[in-house]
């Protein structure tokens, strides 16, 4: 159950920037959603936009904390045959989300587009690339093991060569994705 909840949270965190970009582009402030609180009308729009951004940032922090409840695995010395830094390879996808969010015209379309994106992100189970992990000091790596398995590692470690990868405790998000918290 914790794995399912964790994956839901990761999928939301990974796709929530689309919602934020839509709200900012349309000028929807907190006052728009909570008009009964008149004090919100006096706040600058930037306060609303910062609050929107903080929600997925904080939920990403929660997901990092929850990761300790996942199954544990490790990468022994010599087990990693190849490593590739993956931070930049996913940024074009997220830029695509931004352009989609900017072109969505109304709430109905947003709900549909976001729903499809969320379902595909959740069901793909291949990678949970969340650019907000970068704010917490994580890096992303595509790793090939000596057995030929290709896995995705989210880690605070700074790895350059396969020989440097020694992970005593990695938490298994799924069979292809692991997170090393560095604790």
C-alpha atoms as a PDB file:
ATOM      1  CA  UNK A   1       0.000   0.000   0.000  1.00  0.00           C
ATOM      2  CA  UNK A   2       2.834   2.412   0.803  1.00  0.00           C
ATOM      3  CA  UNK A   3       4.384   1.754  -2.606  1.00  0.00           C
ATOM      4  CA  UNK A   4       1.103   2.587  -4.374  1.00  0.00           C
ATOM      5  CA  UNK A   5       0.664   5.785  -2.331  1.00  0.00           C
ATOM      6  CA  UNK A   6       4.282   6.735  -2.929  1.00  0.00           C
ATOM      7  CA  UNK A   7       3.940   6.241  -6.694  1.00  0.00           C
ATOM      8  CA  UNK A   8       0.726   8.335  -6.733  1.00  0.00           C
ATOM      9  CA  UNK A   9       2.557  11.105  -4.918  1.00  0.00           C
ATOM     10  CA  UNK A  10       5.511  10.905  -7.311  1.00  0.00           C
ATOM     11  CA  UNK A  11       3.220  11.008 -10.333  1.00  0.00           C
ATOM     12  CA  UNK A  12       1.438  14.085  -8.951  1.00  0.00           C
ATOM     13  CA  UNK A  13       4.699  15.829  -8.072  1.00  0.00           C
ATOM     14  CA  UNK A  14       6.116  15.066 -11.511  1.00  0.00           C
ATOM     15  CA  UNK A  15       3.119  16.483 -13.370  1.00  0.00           C
ATOM     16  CA  UNK A  16       1.903  19.261 -11.066  1.00  0.00           C
ATOM     17  CA  UNK A  17       4.004  21.930 -12.738  1.00  0.00           C
ATOM     18  CA  UNK A  18       1.529  21.789 -15.631  1.00  0.00           C
ATOM     19  CA  UNK A  19      -1.229  22.906 -13.233  1.00  0.00           C
ATOM     20  CA  UNK A  20       0.905  25.706 -11.834  1.00  0.00           C
ATOM     21  CA  UNK A  21       1.864  27.040 -15.259  1.00  0.00           C
ATOM     22  CA  UNK A  22      -1.815  27.039 -16.269  1.00  0.00           C
ATOM     23  CA  UNK A  23      -2.863  28.952 -13.123  1.00  0.00           C
ATOM     24  CA  UNK A  24      -0.093  31.515 -13.517  1.00  0.00           C
ATOM     25  CA  UNK A  25      -0.736  31.992 -17.238  1.00  0.00           C
ATOM     26  CA  UNK A  26      -4.448  32.555 -16.600  1.00  0.00           C
ATOM     27  CA  UNK A  27      -3.749  34.853 -13.643  1.00  0.00           C
ATOM     28  CA  UNK A  28      -5.616  32.689 -11.122  1.00  0.00           C
ATOM     29  CA  UNK A  29      -4.534  33.851  -7.690  1.00  0.00           C
ATOM     30  CA  UNK A  30      -5.450  32.428  -4.300  1.00  0.00           C
ATOM     31  CA  UNK A  31      -8.234  35.004  -4.172  1.00  0.00           C
ATOM     32  CA  UNK A  32      -9.803  33.333  -7.227  1.00  0.00           C
ATOM     33  CA  UNK A  33     -10.059  30.019  -5.347  1.00  0.00           C
ATOM     34  CA  UNK A  34     -10.763  31.406  -1.867  1.00  0.00           C
ATOM     35  CA  UNK A  35     -12.754  34.572  -2.520  1.00  0.00           C
ATOM     36  CA  UNK A  36     -14.438  34.450   0.904  1.00  0.00           C
ATOM     37  CA  UNK A  37     -11.086  35.395   2.478  1.00  0.00           C
ATOM     38  CA  UNK A  38     -10.918  39.076   1.553  1.00  0.00           C
ATOM     39  CA  UNK A  39      -7.375  39.433   2.904  1.00  0.00           C
ATOM     40  CA  UNK A  40      -6.125  37.372  -0.046  1.00  0.00           C
ATOM     41  CA  UNK A  41      -7.260  40.076  -2.465  1.00  0.00           C
ATOM     42  CA  UNK A  42      -4.685  42.459  -0.979  1.00  0.00           C
ATOM     43  CA  UNK A  43      -1.774  40.075  -1.572  1.00  0.00           C
ATOM     44  CA  UNK A  44       0.428  40.519  -4.622  1.00  0.00           C
ATOM     45  CA  UNK A  45      -0.123  37.878  -7.307  1.00  0.00           C
ATOM     46  CA  UNK A  46       3.417  36.617  -6.784  1.00  0.00           C
ATOM     47  CA  UNK A  47       2.446  35.378  -3.304  1.00  0.00           C
ATOM     48  CA  UNK A  48      -0.186  33.138  -4.875  1.00  0.00           C
ATOM     49  CA  UNK A  49       2.207  31.820  -7.483  1.00  0.00           C
ATOM     50  CA  UNK A  50       4.863  31.121  -4.857  1.00  0.00           C
ATOM     51  CA  UNK A  51       2.272  29.279  -2.752  1.00  0.00           C
ATOM     52  CA  UNK A  52       1.299  27.160  -5.766  1.00  0.00           C
ATOM     53  CA  UNK A  53       4.940  26.282  -6.360  1.00  0.00           C
ATOM     54  CA  UNK A  54       5.541  25.428  -2.707  1.00  0.00           C
ATOM     55  CA  UNK A  55       2.826  22.741  -2.702  1.00  0.00           C
ATOM     56  CA  UNK A  56       4.643  20.311  -5.026  1.00  0.00           C
ATOM     57  CA  UNK A  57       8.020  21.280  -3.525  1.00  0.00           C
ATOM     58  CA  UNK A  58       6.782  20.344  -0.045  1.00  0.00           C
ATOM     59  CA  UNK A  59       5.033  17.205  -1.347  1.00  0.00           C
ATOM     60  CA  UNK A  60       8.307  16.194  -2.985  1.00  0.00           C
ATOM     61  CA  UNK A  61       9.905  16.523   0.457  1.00  0.00           C
ATOM     62  CA  UNK A  62       7.169  14.303   1.877  1.00  0.00           C
ATOM     63  CA  UNK A  63       7.815  11.733  -0.843  1.00  0.00           C
ATOM     64  CA  UNK A  64      11.532  11.739   0.038  1.00  0.00           C
ATOM     65  CA  UNK A  65      10.630  11.057   3.668  1.00  0.00           C
ATOM     66  CA  UNK A  66       8.168   8.321   2.678  1.00  0.00           C
ATOM     67  CA  UNK A  67      10.770   6.614   0.504  1.00  0.00           C
ATOM     68  CA  UNK A  68      12.319   5.113   3.650  1.00  0.00           C
ATOM     69  CA  UNK A  69       9.222   2.878   3.909  1.00  0.00           C
ATOM     70  CA  UNK A  70       9.900   1.243   0.532  1.00  0.00           C
ATOM     71  CA  UNK A  71      11.745  -2.024   0.015  1.00  0.00           C
ATOM     72  CA  UNK A  72      15.521  -1.837   0.240  1.00  0.00           C
ATOM     73  CA  UNK A  73      18.129  -2.868  -2.284  1.00  0.00           C
ATOM     74  CA  UNK A  74      21.800  -2.121  -2.870  1.00  0.00           C
ATOM     75  CA  UNK A  75      24.413  -1.786  -5.579  1.00  0.00           C
ATOM     76  CA  UNK A  76      27.584  -3.685  -4.672  1.00  0.00           C
ATOM     77  CA  UNK A  77      31.083  -2.782  -5.893  1.00  0.00           C
ATOM     78  CA  UNK A  78      31.568  -3.923  -9.478  1.00  0.00           C
ATOM     79  CA  UNK A  79      27.854  -4.436 -10.054  1.00  0.00           C
ATOM     80  CA  UNK A  80      27.456  -1.297 -12.183  1.00  0.00           C
ATOM     81  CA  UNK A  81      28.786  -1.666 -15.717  1.00  0.00           C
ATOM     82  CA  UNK A  82      27.707   1.716 -17.087  1.00  0.00           C
ATOM     83  CA  UNK A  83      26.416   5.024 -15.794  1.00  0.00           C
ATOM     84  CA  UNK A  84      24.988   8.041 -17.561  1.00  0.00           C
ATOM     85  CA  UNK A  85      23.995  11.329 -15.995  1.00  0.00           C
ATOM     86  CA  UNK A  86      20.282  11.801 -16.826  1.00  0.00           C
ATOM     87  CA  UNK A  87      19.421  15.259 -15.447  1.00  0.00           C
ATOM     88  CA  UNK A  88      19.270  16.949 -18.822  1.00  0.00           C
ATOM     89  CA  UNK A  89      17.669  14.171 -20.844  1.00  0.00           C
ATOM     90  CA  UNK A  90      14.224  14.748 -19.330  1.00  0.00           C
ATOM     91  CA  UNK A  91      14.115  18.531 -19.414  1.00  0.00           C
ATOM     92  CA  UNK A  92      12.719  18.648 -22.989  1.00  0.00           C
ATOM     93  CA  UNK A  93       9.714  16.642 -21.764  1.00  0.00           C
ATOM     94  CA  UNK A  94       9.070  19.162 -19.018  1.00  0.00           C
ATOM     95  CA  UNK A  95       9.426  22.065 -21.416  1.00  0.00           C
ATOM     96  CA  UNK A  96       6.739  20.297 -23.445  1.00  0.00           C
ATOM     97  CA  UNK A  97       4.462  20.337 -20.369  1.00  0.00           C
ATOM     98  CA  UNK A  98       5.004  24.086 -20.098  1.00  0.00           C
ATOM     99  CA  UNK A  99       4.001  24.667 -23.715  1.00  0.00           C
ATOM    100  CA  UNK A 100       0.948  22.446 -23.306  1.00  0.00           C
ATOM    101  CA  UNK A 101      -0.066  24.336 -20.153  1.00  0.00           C
ATOM    102  CA  UNK A 102       0.314  27.655 -21.951  1.00  0.00           C
ATOM    103  CA  UNK A 103      -1.925  26.499 -24.794  1.00  0.00           C
ATOM    104  CA  UNK A 104      -4.727  25.040 -22.643  1.00  0.00           C
ATOM    105  CA  UNK A 105      -7.664  27.402 -22.857  1.00  0.00           C
ATOM    106  CA  UNK A 106     -10.032  26.370 -20.069  1.00  0.00           C
ATOM    107  CA  UNK A 107     -10.530  24.224 -16.983  1.00  0.00           C
ATOM    108  CA  UNK A 108     -12.292  21.422 -18.839  1.00  0.00           C
ATOM    109  CA  UNK A 109      -9.393  20.984 -21.233  1.00  0.00           C
ATOM    110  CA  UNK A 110      -6.898  21.250 -18.378  1.00  0.00           C
ATOM    111  CA  UNK A 111      -8.619  18.504 -16.398  1.00  0.00           C
ATOM    112  CA  UNK A 112      -8.673  16.211 -19.425  1.00  0.00           C
ATOM    113  CA  UNK A 113      -5.058  16.865 -20.465  1.00  0.00           C
ATOM    114  CA  UNK A 114      -3.770  16.632 -16.906  1.00  0.00           C
ATOM    115  CA  UNK A 115      -5.739  13.443 -16.276  1.00  0.00           C
ATOM    116  CA  UNK A 116      -4.298  11.742 -19.353  1.00  0.00           C
ATOM    117  CA  UNK A 117      -0.782  12.893 -18.477  1.00  0.00           C
ATOM    118  CA  UNK A 118      -1.131  11.774 -14.858  1.00  0.00           C
ATOM    119  CA  UNK A 119      -2.462   8.318 -15.785  1.00  0.00           C
ATOM    120  CA  UNK A 120       0.324   7.725 -18.298  1.00  0.00           C
ATOM    121  CA  UNK A 121       2.961   8.920 -15.843  1.00  0.00           C
ATOM    122  CA  UNK A 122       1.594   6.689 -13.108  1.00  0.00           C
ATOM    123  CA  UNK A 123       1.093   3.608 -15.274  1.00  0.00           C
ATOM    124  CA  UNK A 124       4.380   3.845 -17.157  1.00  0.00           C
ATOM    125  CA  UNK A 125       6.239   2.739 -14.019  1.00  0.00           C
ATOM    126  CA  UNK A 126       9.477   3.126 -15.895  1.00  0.00           C
ATOM    127  CA  UNK A 127      10.765   6.432 -14.574  1.00  0.00           C
ATOM    128  CA  UNK A 128       9.644   8.953 -12.029  1.00  0.00           C
ATOM    129  CA  UNK A 129      11.672  11.933 -13.103  1.00  0.00           C
ATOM    130  CA  UNK A 130      10.629  14.872 -10.983  1.00  0.00           C
ATOM    131  CA  UNK A 131      12.649  18.030 -11.610  1.00  0.00           C
ATOM    132  CA  UNK A 132      11.771  19.192  -8.084  1.00  0.00           C
ATOM    133  CA  UNK A 133      14.163  16.540  -6.727  1.00  0.00           C
ATOM    134  CA  UNK A 134      16.920  18.798  -8.033  1.00  0.00           C
ATOM    135  CA  UNK A 135      15.943  21.369  -5.368  1.00  0.00           C
ATOM    136  CA  UNK A 136      16.635  18.717  -2.718  1.00  0.00           C
ATOM    137  CA  UNK A 137      20.110  17.991  -4.087  1.00  0.00           C
ATOM    138  CA  UNK A 138      19.298  14.818  -6.013  1.00  0.00           C
ATOM    139  CA  UNK A 139      20.798  13.790  -9.337  1.00  0.00           C
ATOM    140  CA  UNK A 140      19.412  11.340 -11.883  1.00  0.00           C
ATOM    141  CA  UNK A 141      21.349   8.460 -13.410  1.00  0.00           C
ATOM    142  CA  UNK A 142      20.700   5.770 -15.983  1.00  0.00           C
ATOM    143  CA  UNK A 143      22.627   2.736 -14.786  1.00  0.00           C
ATOM    144  CA  UNK A 144      23.431  -0.521 -16.528  1.00  0.00           C
ATOM    145  CA  UNK A 145      24.294  -3.441 -14.259  1.00  0.00           C
ATOM    146  CA  UNK A 146      26.795  -6.157 -15.124  1.00  0.00           C
ATOM    147  CA  UNK A 147      23.774  -8.430 -15.742  1.00  0.00           C
ATOM    148  CA  UNK A 148      22.562  -6.028 -18.442  1.00  0.00           C
ATOM    149  CA  UNK A 149      19.643  -4.536 -16.469  1.00  0.00           C
ATOM    150  CA  UNK A 150      18.928  -0.860 -17.109  1.00  0.00           C
ATOM    151  CA  UNK A 151      17.755   1.021 -14.016  1.00  0.00           C
ATOM    152  CA  UNK A 152      17.102   4.619 -13.062  1.00  0.00           C
ATOM    153  CA  UNK A 153      18.774   5.876  -9.887  1.00  0.00           C
ATOM    154  CA  UNK A 154      17.741   9.035  -8.076  1.00  0.00           C
ATOM    155  CA  UNK A 155      20.611   9.875  -5.749  1.00  0.00           C
ATOM    156  CA  UNK A 156      22.352  12.617  -3.816  1.00  0.00           C
ATOM    157  CA  UNK A 157      25.610  10.922  -4.790  1.00  0.00           C
ATOM    158  CA  UNK A 158      27.781  12.522  -7.446  1.00  0.00           C
ATOM    159  CA  UNK A 159      28.834   9.632  -9.665  1.00  0.00           C
ATOM    160  CA  UNK A 160      30.966   9.917 -12.784  1.00  0.00           C
ATOM    161  CA  UNK A 161      32.220   6.390 -13.391  1.00  0.00           C
ATOM    162  CA  UNK A 162      30.669   2.951 -12.806  1.00  0.00           C
ATOM    163  CA  UNK A 163      33.344   2.101 -10.240  1.00  0.00           C
ATOM    164  CA  UNK A 164      32.224   4.966  -7.988  1.00  0.00           C
ATOM    165  CA  UNK A 165      28.718   3.568  -7.603  1.00  0.00           C
ATOM    166  CA  UNK A 166      28.492   1.861  -4.228  1.00  0.00           C
ATOM    167  CA  UNK A 167      25.016   2.149  -2.782  1.00  0.00           C
ATOM    168  CA  UNK A 168      24.450   0.402   0.530  1.00  0.00           C
ATOM    169  CA  UNK A 169      20.794   1.335   0.755  1.00  0.00           C
ATOM    170  CA  UNK A 170      18.605   2.173  -2.225  1.00  0.00           C
ATOM    171  CA  UNK A 171      14.849   2.195  -1.874  1.00  0.00           C
ATOM    172  CA  UNK A 172      12.942   0.400  -4.632  1.00  0.00           C
ATOM    173  CA  UNK A 173      10.208   2.521  -6.207  1.00  0.00           C
ATOM    174  CA  UNK A 174       9.625  -0.180  -8.823  1.00  0.00           C
ATOM    175  CA  UNK A 175      11.769  -2.758 -10.613  1.00  0.00           C
ATOM    176  CA  UNK A 176      13.404  -0.050 -12.727  1.00  0.00           C
ATOM    177  CA  UNK A 177      13.643   2.933 -10.393  1.00  0.00           C
ATOM    178  CA  UNK A 178      15.525   3.373  -7.121  1.00  0.00           C
ATOM    179  CA  UNK A 179      16.135   6.287  -4.792  1.00  0.00           C
ATOM    180  CA  UNK A 180      19.263   6.650  -2.684  1.00  0.00           C
ATOM    181  CA  UNK A 181      18.524   9.164   0.036  1.00  0.00           C
ATOM    182  CA  UNK A 182      22.057   9.406   1.364  1.00  0.00           C
ATOM    183  CA  UNK A 183      21.115   8.626   4.977  1.00  0.00           C
END
